[in-house]
All heavy atoms as atom14 arrays in JSON, in Angstrom:
{
  "sequence": "NGFGISEVCCEYFRNLILVDIDKDGLRKAKNKLSMKNPDKKIDT",
  "atom14_mask": [
    [1, 1, 1, 1, 1, 1, 1, 1, 0, 0, 0, 0, 0, 0],
    [1, 1, 1, 1, 0, 0, 0, 0, 0, 0, 0, 0, 0, 0],
    [1, 1, 1, 1, 1, 1, 1, 1, 1, 1, 1, 0, 0, 0],
    [1, 1, 1, 1, 0, 0, 0, 0, 0, 0, 0, 0, 0, 0],
    [1, 1, 1, 1, 1, 1, 1, 1, 0, 0, 0, 0, 0, 0],
    [1, 1, 1, 1, 1, 1, 0, 0, 0, 0, 0, 0, 0, 0],
    [1, 1, 1, 1, 1, 1, 1, 1, 1, 0, 0, 0, 0, 0],
    [1, 1, 1, 1, 1, 1, 1, 0, 0, 0, 0, 0, 0, 0],
    [1, 1, 1, 1, 1, 1, 0, 0, 0, 0, 0, 0, 0, 0],
    [1, 1, 1, 1, 1, 1, 0, 0, 0, 0, 0, 0, 0, 0],
    [1, 1, 1, 1, 1, 1, 1, 1, 1, 0, 0, 0, 0, 0],
    [1, 1, 1, 1, 1, 1, 1, 1, 1, 1, 1, 1, 0, 0],
    [1, 1, 1, 1, 1, 1, 1, 1, 1, 1, 1, 0, 0, 0],
    [1, 1, 1, 1, 1, 1, 1, 1, 1, 1, 1, 0, 0, 0],
    [1, 1, 1, 1, 1, 1, 1, 1, 0, 0, 0, 0, 0, 0],
    [1, 1, 1, 1, 1, 1, 1, 1, 0, 0, 0, 0, 0, 0],
    [1, 1, 1, 1, 1, 1, 1, 1, 0, 0, 0, 0, 0, 0],
    [1, 1, 1, 1, 1, 1, 1, 1, 0, 0, 0, 0, 0, 0],
    [1, 1, 1, 1, 1, 1, 1, 0, 0, 0, 0, 0, 0, 0],
    [1, 1, 1, 1, 1, 1, 1, 1, 0, 0, 0, 0, 0, 0],
    [1, 1, 1, 1, 1, 1, 1, 1, 0, 0, 0, 0, 0, 0],
    [1, 1, 1, 1, 1, 1, 1, 1, 0, 0, 0, 0, 0, 0],
    [1, 1, 1, 1, 1, 1, 1, 1, 1, 0, 0, 0, 0, 0],
    [1, 1, 1, 1, 1, 1, 1, 1, 0, 0, 0, 0, 0, 0],
    [1, 1, 1, 1, 0, 0, 0, 0, 0, 0, 0, 0, 0, 0],
    [1, 1, 1, 1, 1, 1, 1, 1, 0, 0, 0, 0, 0, 0],
    [1, 1, 1, 1, 1, 1, 1, 1, 1, 1, 1, 0, 0, 0],
    [1, 1, 1, 1, 1, 1, 1, 1, 1, 0, 0, 0, 0, 0],
    [1, 1, 1, 1, 1, 0, 0, 0, 0, 0, 0, 0, 0, 0],
    [1, 1, 1, 1, 1, 1, 1, 1, 1, 0, 0, 0, 0, 0],
    [1, 1, 1, 1, 1, 1, 1, 1, 0, 0, 0, 0, 0, 0],
    [1, 1, 1, 1, 1, 1, 1, 1, 1, 0, 0, 0, 0, 0],
    [1, 1, 1, 1, 1, 1, 1, 1, 0, 0, 0, 0, 0, 0],
    [1, 1, 1, 1, 1, 1, 0, 0, 0, 0, 0, 0, 0, 0],
    [1, 1, 1, 1, 1, 1, 1, 1, 0, 0, 0, 0, 0, 0],
    [1, 1, 1, 1, 1, 1, 1, 1, 1, 0, 0, 0, 0, 0],
    [1, 1, 1, 1, 1, 1, 1, 1, 0, 0, 0, 0, 0, 0],
    [1, 1, 1, 1, 1, 1, 1, 0, 0, 0, 0, 0, 0, 0],
    [1, 1, 1, 1, 1, 1, 1, 1, 0, 0, 0, 0, 0, 0],
    [1, 1, 1, 1, 1, 1, 1, 1, 1, 0, 0, 0, 0, 0],
    [1, 1, 1, 1, 1, 1, 1, 1, 1, 0, 0, 0, 0, 0],
    [1, 1, 1, 1, 1, 1, 1, 1, 0, 0, 0, 0, 0, 0],
    [1, 1, 1, 1, 1, 1, 1, 1, 0, 0, 0, 0, 0, 0],
    [1, 1, 1, 1, 1, 1, 1, 0, 0, 0, 0, 0, 0, 0]
  ],
  "atom14_positions": [
    [[102.47, 110.56, 102.03], [101.16, 111.1, 101.66], [100.62, 110.46, 100.38], [99.42, 110.21, 100.28], [101.23, 112.61, 101.47], [101.4, 113.36, 102.75], [101.12, 112.84, 103.82], [101.87, 114.6, 102.65], [0.0, 0.0, 0.0], [0.0, 0.0, 0.0], [0.0, 0.0, 0.0], [0.0, 0.0, 0.0], [0.0, 0.0, 0.0], [0.0, 0.0, 0.0]],
    [[101.49, 110.22, 99.42], [101.05, 109.65, 98.15], [100.45, 108.26, 98.32], [99.44, 107.94, 97.71], [0.0, 0.0, 0.0], [0.0, 0.0, 0.0], [0.0, 0.0, 0.0], [0.0, 0.0, 0.0], [0.0, 0.0, 0.0], [0.0, 0.0, 0.0], [0.0, 0.0, 0.0], [0.0, 0.0, 0.0], [0.0, 0.0, 0.0], [0.0, 0.0, 0.0]],
    [[101.08, 107.45, 99.18], [100.52, 106.12, 99.42], [99.21, 106.24, 100.18], [98.26, 105.53, 99.89], [101.5, 105.22, 100.18], [100.94, 103.85, 100.42], [100.79, 102.95, 99.37], [100.5, 103.48, 101.68], [100.23, 101.7, 99.57], [99.94, 102.22, 101.9], [99.81, 101.33, 100.85], [0.0, 0.0, 0.0], [0.0, 0.0, 0.0], [0.0, 0.0, 0.0]],
    [[99.14, 107.16, 101.14], [97.89, 107.38, 101.87], [96.76, 107.81, 100.94], [95.63, 107.33, 101.06], [0.0, 0.0, 0.0], [0.0, 0.0, 0.0], [0.0, 0.0, 0.0], [0.0, 0.0, 0.0], [0.0, 0.0, 0.0], [0.0, 0.0, 0.0], [0.0, 0.0, 0.0], [0.0, 0.0, 0.0], [0.0, 0.0, 0.0], [0.0, 0.0, 0.0]],
    [[97.06, 108.69, 100.01], [96.07, 109.12, 99.02], [95.65, 107.92, 98.18], [94.46, 107.72, 97.9], [96.65, 110.24, 98.13], [96.85, 111.52, 98.95], [95.75, 110.51, 96.92], [97.7, 112.58, 98.28], [0.0, 0.0, 0.0], [0.0, 0.0, 0.0], [0.0, 0.0, 0.0], [0.0, 0.0, 0.0], [0.0, 0.0, 0.0], [0.0, 0.0, 0.0]],
    [[96.6, 107.09, 97.81], [96.31, 105.9, 97.01], [95.4, 104.93, 97.76], [94.47, 104.37, 97.18], [97.6, 105.18, 96.63], [98.43, 106.02, 95.87], [0.0, 0.0, 0.0], [0.0, 0.0, 0.0], [0.0, 0.0, 0.0], [0.0, 0.0, 0.0], [0.0, 0.0, 0.0], [0.0, 0.0, 0.0], [0.0, 0.0, 0.0], [0.0, 0.0, 0.0]],
    [[95.66, 104.74, 99.05], [94.82, 103.85, 99.86], [93.37, 104.32, 99.88], [92.44, 103.52, 99.69], [95.33, 103.77, 101.29], [96.53, 102.88, 101.48], [96.9, 102.76, 102.94], [97.19, 103.78, 103.57], [96.89, 101.61, 103.44], [0.0, 0.0, 0.0], [0.0, 0.0, 0.0], [0.0, 0.0, 0.0], [0.0, 0.0, 0.0], [0.0, 0.0, 0.0]],
    [[93.16, 105.6, 100.11], [91.79, 106.14, 100.15], [91.14, 106.05, 98.77], [89.99, 105.62, 98.64], [91.79, 107.59, 100.68], [90.43, 108.22, 100.51], [92.23, 107.62, 102.13], [0.0, 0.0, 0.0], [0.0, 0.0, 0.0], [0.0, 0.0, 0.0], [0.0, 0.0, 0.0], [0.0, 0.0, 0.0], [0.0, 0.0, 0.0], [0.0, 0.0, 0.0]],
    [[91.87, 106.43, 97.75], [91.31, 106.44, 96.39], [91.0, 105.03, 95.9], [90.1, 104.84, 95.07], [92.25, 107.15, 95.43], [92.3, 108.93, 95.73], [0.0, 0.0, 0.0], [0.0, 0.0, 0.0], [0.0, 0.0, 0.0], [0.0, 0.0, 0.0], [0.0, 0.0, 0.0], [0.0, 0.0, 0.0], [0.0, 0.0, 0.0], [0.0, 0.0, 0.0]],
    [[91.71, 104.05, 96.42], [91.48, 102.67, 96.03], [90.06, 102.21, 96.41], [89.5, 101.33, 95.78], [92.52, 101.77, 96.67], [92.91, 100.3, 95.71], [0.0, 0.0, 0.0], [0.0, 0.0, 0.0], [0.0, 0.0, 0.0], [0.0, 0.0, 0.0], [0.0, 0.0, 0.0], [0.0, 0.0, 0.0], [0.0, 0.0, 0.0], [0.0, 0.0, 0.0]],
    [[89.49, 102.85, 97.41], [88.13, 102.52, 97.82], [87.09, 102.99, 96.79], [86.0, 102.45, 96.73], [87.82, 103.16, 99.18], [88.64, 102.61, 100.31], [88.33, 103.31, 101.62], [87.18, 103.76, 101.81], [89.24, 103.41, 102.46], [0.0, 0.0, 0.0], [0.0, 0.0, 0.0], [0.0, 0.0, 0.0], [0.0, 0.0, 0.0], [0.0, 0.0, 0.0]],
    [[87.43, 104.02, 96.01], [86.46, 104.66, 95.15], [86.7, 104.45, 93.65], [85.76, 104.35, 92.88], [86.41, 106.16, 95.43], [86.03, 106.45, 96.86], [86.99, 106.75, 97.82], [84.7, 106.39, 97.26], [86.64, 107.01, 99.13], [84.34, 106.65, 98.57], [85.32, 106.95, 99.5], [84.97, 107.19, 100.8], [0.0, 0.0, 0.0], [0.0, 0.0, 0.0]],
    [[87.97, 104.44, 93.24], [88.3, 104.35, 91.83], [88.54, 102.91, 91.42], [89.06, 102.11, 92.18], [89.57, 105.17, 91.52], [89.37, 106.65, 91.59], [89.41, 107.33, 92.8], [89.13, 107.38, 90.43], [89.23, 108.7, 92.87], [88.95, 108.75, 90.49], [89.0, 109.41, 91.71], [0.0, 0.0, 0.0], [0.0, 0.0, 0.0], [0.0, 0.0, 0.0]],
    [[88.2, 102.58, 90.21], [88.4, 101.23, 89.66], [89.85, 101.02, 89.25], [90.42, 99.95, 89.44], [87.47, 101.02, 88.47], [87.69, 99.71, 87.74], [86.85, 98.61, 88.32], [86.99, 97.41, 87.53], [87.4, 96.27, 88.05], [87.64, 96.17, 89.32], [87.52, 95.21, 87.29], [0.0, 0.0, 0.0], [0.0, 0.0, 0.0], [0.0, 0.0, 0.0]],
    [[90.44, 102.05, 88.63], [91.79, 101.95, 88.08], [92.69, 102.98, 88.73], [92.35, 104.16, 88.77], [91.78, 102.2, 86.57], [90.83, 101.28, 85.85], [90.89, 100.08, 85.98], [89.92, 101.87, 85.08], [0.0, 0.0, 0.0], [0.0, 0.0, 0.0], [0.0, 0.0, 0.0], [0.0, 0.0, 0.0], [0.0, 0.0, 0.0], [0.0, 0.0, 0.0]],
    [[93.84, 102.53, 89.21], [94.83, 103.42, 89.8], [96.13, 103.32, 89.02], [96.57, 102.22, 88.65], [95.11, 103.05, 91.26], [94.08, 103.5, 92.28], [92.9, 102.57, 92.3], [94.72, 103.61, 93.65], [0.0, 0.0, 0.0], [0.0, 0.0, 0.0], [0.0, 0.0, 0.0], [0.0, 0.0, 0.0], [0.0, 0.0, 0.0], [0.0, 0.0, 0.0]],
    [[96.73, 104.49, 88.79], [98.04, 104.56, 88.16], [98.96, 105.21, 89.2], [98.77, 106.37, 89.57], [98.02, 105.42, 86.88], [97.0, 104.87, 85.88], [99.42, 105.48, 86.26], [96.68, 105.84, 84.74], [0.0, 0.0, 0.0], [0.0, 0.0, 0.0], [0.0, 0.0, 0.0], [0.0, 0.0, 0.0], [0.0, 0.0, 0.0], [0.0, 0.0, 0.0]],
    [[99.92, 104.44, 89.69], [100.83, 104.92, 90.71], [102.16, 105.27, 90.05], [102.73, 104.45, 89.33], [101.06, 103.85, 91.78], [99.81, 103.2, 92.39], [100.21, 102.16, 93.42], [98.88, 104.24, 92.98], [0.0, 0.0, 0.0], [0.0, 0.0, 0.0], [0.0, 0.0, 0.0], [0.0, 0.0, 0.0], [0.0, 0.0, 0.0], [0.0, 0.0, 0.0]],
    [[102.63, 106.48, 90.3], [103.87, 106.97, 89.69], [104.83, 107.39, 90.8], [104.43, 108.08, 91.75], [103.58, 108.17, 88.76], [104.88, 108.73, 88.18], [102.6, 107.79, 87.66], [0.0, 0.0, 0.0], [0.0, 0.0, 0.0], [0.0, 0.0, 0.0], [0.0, 0.0, 0.0], [0.0, 0.0, 0.0], [0.0, 0.0, 0.0], [0.0, 0.0, 0.0]],
    [[106.08, 106.97, 90.69], [107.09, 107.35, 91.68], [108.46, 107.02, 91.11], [108.59, 106.2, 90.2], [106.87, 106.59, 92.99], [107.44, 107.3, 94.2], [108.68, 107.42, 94.31], [106.64, 107.75, 95.03], [0.0, 0.0, 0.0], [0.0, 0.0, 0.0], [0.0, 0.0, 0.0], [0.0, 0.0, 0.0], [0.0, 0.0, 0.0], [0.0, 0.0, 0.0]],
    [[109.48, 107.64, 91.67], [110.85, 107.34, 91.28], [111.33, 106.04, 91.94], [112.25, 105.39, 91.47], [111.8, 108.51, 91.63], [113.16, 108.33, 90.97], [111.9, 108.7, 93.14], [114.07, 109.53, 91.12], [0.0, 0.0, 0.0], [0.0, 0.0, 0.0], [0.0, 0.0, 0.0], [0.0, 0.0, 0.0], [0.0, 0.0, 0.0], [0.0, 0.0, 0.0]],
    [[110.69, 105.65, 93.04], [111.08, 104.5, 93.86], [110.42, 103.22, 93.33], [109.29, 102.9, 93.69], [110.68, 104.77, 95.31], [111.04, 103.65, 96.26], [111.6, 102.61, 95.83], [110.75, 103.81, 97.47], [0.0, 0.0, 0.0], [0.0, 0.0, 0.0], [0.0, 0.0, 0.0], [0.0, 0.0, 0.0], [0.0, 0.0, 0.0], [0.0, 0.0, 0.0]],
    [[111.15, 102.49, 92.5], [110.61, 101.28, 91.87], [110.22, 100.22, 92.89], [109.15, 99.61, 92.8], [111.64, 100.71, 90.88], [111.11, 99.6, 90.0], [112.14, 99.2, 88.96], [111.54, 98.25, 87.96], [112.44, 97.97, 86.85], [0.0, 0.0, 0.0], [0.0, 0.0, 0.0], [0.0, 0.0, 0.0], [0.0, 0.0, 0.0], [0.0, 0.0, 0.0]],
    [[111.07, 99.97, 93.87], [110.78, 98.99, 94.91], [109.57, 99.44, 95.75], [108.72, 98.64, 96.1], [112.0, 98.75, 95.79], [111.81, 97.58, 96.74], [111.41, 96.49, 96.28], [112.06, 97.77, 97.94], [0.0, 0.0, 0.0], [0.0, 0.0, 0.0], [0.0, 0.0, 0.0], [0.0, 0.0, 0.0], [0.0, 0.0, 0.0], [0.0, 0.0, 0.0]],
    [[109.53, 100.72, 96.07], [108.4, 101.27, 96.81], [107.09, 101.13, 96.05], [106.04, 100.83, 96.64], [0.0, 0.0, 0.0], [0.0, 0.0, 0.0], [0.0, 0.0, 0.0], [0.0, 0.0, 0.0], [0.0, 0.0, 0.0], [0.0, 0.0, 0.0], [0.0, 0.0, 0.0], [0.0, 0.0, 0.0], [0.0, 0.0, 0.0], [0.0, 0.0, 0.0]],
    [[107.13, 101.31, 94.74], [105.93, 101.13, 93.9], [105.45, 99.68, 93.95], [104.25, 99.42, 94.06], [106.23, 101.52, 92.45], [106.2, 102.99, 92.1], [106.69, 103.21, 90.67], [104.81, 103.59, 92.29], [0.0, 0.0, 0.0], [0.0, 0.0, 0.0], [0.0, 0.0, 0.0], [0.0, 0.0, 0.0], [0.0, 0.0, 0.0], [0.0, 0.0, 0.0]],
    [[106.41, 98.76, 93.86], [106.05, 97.34, 93.92], [105.36, 97.01, 95.24], [104.32, 96.36, 95.27], [107.3, 96.48, 93.72], [107.03, 94.97, 93.68], [108.32, 94.16, 93.65], [109.27, 94.48, 94.69], [109.16, 94.12, 95.97], [108.12, 93.43, 96.38], [110.08, 94.46, 96.86], [0.0, 0.0, 0.0], [0.0, 0.0, 0.0], [0.0, 0.0, 0.0]],
    [[105.93, 97.5, 96.33], [105.35, 97.25, 97.65], [103.98, 97.91, 97.79], [103.05, 97.31, 98.34], [106.29, 97.76, 98.75], [107.55, 96.94, 98.89], [108.5, 97.55, 99.91], [109.8, 96.75, 99.97], [110.78, 97.39, 100.86], [0.0, 0.0, 0.0], [0.0, 0.0, 0.0], [0.0, 0.0, 0.0], [0.0, 0.0, 0.0], [0.0, 0.0, 0.0]],
    [[103.85, 99.13, 97.3], [102.57, 99.83, 97.37], [101.5, 99.08, 96.58], [100.38, 98.88, 97.07], [102.72, 101.26, 96.83], [0.0, 0.0, 0.0], [0.0, 0.0, 0.0], [0.0, 0.0, 0.0], [0.0, 0.0, 0.0], [0.0, 0.0, 0.0], [0.0, 0.0, 0.0], [0.0, 0.0, 0.0], [0.0, 0.0, 0.0], [0.0, 0.0, 0.0]],
    [[101.86, 98.64, 95.38], [100.91, 97.88, 94.57], [100.5, 96.6, 95.28], [99.31, 96.25, 95.29], [101.5, 97.57, 93.2], [100.55, 96.78, 92.31], [101.13, 96.52, 90.94], [100.13, 95.73, 90.1], [100.59, 95.58, 88.71], [0.0, 0.0, 0.0], [0.0, 0.0, 0.0], [0.0, 0.0, 0.0], [0.0, 0.0, 0.0], [0.0, 0.0, 0.0]],
    [[101.46, 95.89, 95.84], [101.14, 94.64, 96.55], [100.19, 94.88, 97.71], [99.23, 94.13, 97.9], [102.41, 93.94, 97.02], [103.21, 93.34, 95.88], [102.69, 93.13, 94.79], [104.48, 93.07, 96.12], [0.0, 0.0, 0.0], [0.0, 0.0, 0.0], [0.0, 0.0, 0.0], [0.0, 0.0, 0.0], [0.0, 0.0, 0.0], [0.0, 0.0, 0.0]],
    [[100.46, 95.89, 98.52], [99.59, 96.2, 99.66], [98.18, 96.54, 99.21], [97.2, 96.06, 99.78], [100.16, 97.38, 100.47], [101.34, 97.04, 101.31], [101.81, 98.29, 102.07], [103.13, 98.06, 102.75], [103.64, 99.29, 103.4], [0.0, 0.0, 0.0], [0.0, 0.0, 0.0], [0.0, 0.0, 0.0], [0.0, 0.0, 0.0], [0.0, 0.0, 0.0]],
    [[98.09, 97.39, 98.2], [96.77, 97.81, 97.71], [96.03, 96.65, 97.06], [94.82, 96.5, 97.24], [96.91, 98.98, 96.73], [97.42, 100.29, 97.31], [97.68, 101.29, 96.2], [96.45, 100.85, 98.34], [0.0, 0.0, 0.0], [0.0, 0.0, 0.0], [0.0, 0.0, 0.0], [0.0, 0.0, 0.0], [0.0, 0.0, 0.0], [0.0, 0.0, 0.0]],
    [[96.74, 95.83, 96.31], [96.12, 94.69, 95.62], [95.6, 93.65, 96.6], [94.57, 93.03, 96.35], [97.11, 94.04, 94.65], [97.45, 94.94, 93.62], [0.0, 0.0, 0.0], [0.0, 0.0, 0.0], [0.0, 0.0, 0.0], [0.0, 0.0, 0.0], [0.0, 0.0, 0.0], [0.0, 0.0, 0.0], [0.0, 0.0, 0.0], [0.0, 0.0, 0.0]],
    [[96.31, 93.44, 97.7], [95.85, 92.46, 98.69], [94.52, 92.89, 99.31], [93.65, 92.06, 99.52], [96.91, 92.26, 99.78], [98.08, 91.43, 99.31], [99.18, 90.82, 100.62], [99.46, 92.22, 101.63], [0.0, 0.0, 0.0], [0.0, 0.0, 0.0], [0.0, 0.0, 0.0], [0.0, 0.0, 0.0], [0.0, 0.0, 0.0], [0.0, 0.0, 0.0]],
    [[94.37, 94.16, 99.57], [93.13, 94.67, 100.17], [92.03, 94.87, 99.14], [90.85, 94.88, 99.49], [93.38, 96.01, 100.86], [94.22, 95.93, 102.1], [94.36, 97.32, 102.71], [95.27, 97.31, 103.91], [95.48, 98.66, 104.44], [0.0, 0.0, 0.0], [0.0, 0.0, 0.0], [0.0, 0.0, 0.0], [0.0, 0.0, 0.0], [0.0, 0.0, 0.0]],
    [[92.41, 95.05, 97.88], [91.45, 95.4, 96.82], [91.74, 94.58, 95.56], [92.17, 95.12, 94.55], [91.57, 96.89, 96.49], [91.42, 97.77, 97.7], [90.31, 98.02, 98.15], [92.54, 98.23, 98.25], [0.0, 0.0, 0.0], [0.0, 0.0, 0.0], [0.0, 0.0, 0.0], [0.0, 0.0, 0.0], [0.0, 0.0, 0.0], [0.0, 0.0, 0.0]],
    [[91.47, 93.28, 95.6], [91.84, 92.43, 94.46], [91.07, 92.74, 93.17], [91.5, 92.35, 92.1], [91.52, 91.02, 94.96], [90.57, 91.2, 96.07], [90.85, 92.53, 96.68], [0.0, 0.0, 0.0], [0.0, 0.0, 0.0], [0.0, 0.0, 0.0], [0.0, 0.0, 0.0], [0.0, 0.0, 0.0], [0.0, 0.0, 0.0], [0.0, 0.0, 0.0]],
    [[89.96, 93.45, 93.28], [89.16, 93.76, 92.1], [89.63, 95.02, 91.37], [89.08, 95.37, 90.32], [87.69, 93.92, 92.49], [87.47, 95.05, 93.48], [88.34, 95.25, 94.36], [86.43, 95.72, 93.39], [0.0, 0.0, 0.0], [0.0, 0.0, 0.0], [0.0, 0.0, 0.0], [0.0, 0.0, 0.0], [0.0, 0.0, 0.0], [0.0, 0.0, 0.0]],
    [[90.63, 95.7, 91.89], [91.11, 96.95, 91.3], [92.24, 96.68, 90.3], [93.02, 95.76, 90.45], [91.63, 97.91, 92.37], [90.64, 98.21, 93.47], [89.44, 98.97, 92.97], [88.46, 99.19, 94.12], [87.52, 100.23, 93.86], [0.0, 0.0, 0.0], [0.0, 0.0, 0.0], [0.0, 0.0, 0.0], [0.0, 0.0, 0.0], [0.0, 0.0, 0.0]],
    [[92.29, 97.53, 89.28], [93.42, 97.5, 88.34], [94.41, 98.55, 88.82], [94.08, 99.73, 88.89], [92.96, 97.81, 86.92], [94.1, 97.79, 85.93], [93.65, 98.16, 84.52], [94.87, 98.13, 83.61], [94.73, 99.03, 82.49], [0.0, 0.0, 0.0], [0.0, 0.0, 0.0], [0.0, 0.0, 0.0], [0.0, 0.0, 0.0], [0.0, 0.0, 0.0]],
    [[95.61, 98.1, 89.17], [96.64, 99.01, 89.68], [97.88, 98.86, 88.81], [98.48, 97.79, 88.75], [96.96, 98.7, 91.15], [95.7, 98.79, 92.01], [98.06, 99.63, 91.65], [95.85, 98.28, 93.42], [0.0, 0.0, 0.0], [0.0, 0.0, 0.0], [0.0, 0.0, 0.0], [0.0, 0.0, 0.0], [0.0, 0.0, 0.0], [0.0, 0.0, 0.0]],
    [[98.22, 99.94, 88.12], [99.43, 99.97, 87.3], [100.45, 100.87, 87.97], [100.1, 101.84, 88.64], [99.13, 100.52, 85.91], [98.36, 99.53, 85.05], [98.52, 98.31, 85.23], [97.58, 99.98, 84.19], [0.0, 0.0, 0.0], [0.0, 0.0, 0.0], [0.0, 0.0, 0.0], [0.0, 0.0, 0.0], [0.0, 0.0, 0.0], [0.0, 0.0, 0.0]],
    [[101.72, 100.56, 87.77], [102.8, 101.38, 88.32], [103.73, 101.82, 87.2], [103.96, 101.07, 86.24], [103.6, 100.64, 89.4], [104.2, 99.48, 88.82], [102.71, 100.23, 90.57], [0.0, 0.0, 0.0], [0.0, 0.0, 0.0], [0.0, 0.0, 0.0], [0.0, 0.0, 0.0], [0.0, 0.0, 0.0], [0.0, 0.0, 0.0], [0.0, 0.0, 0.0]]
  ]
}
């Protein structure tokens, strides 16, 4: 659900801060979101 929320919010917000215990999962989530939304600032 958290990644799904992030995907939708990426359409509207300029800056996303993704927080999770799963470091590898965060890296993958950031990569997926960044590929679709290169103009967004995404921090993990």
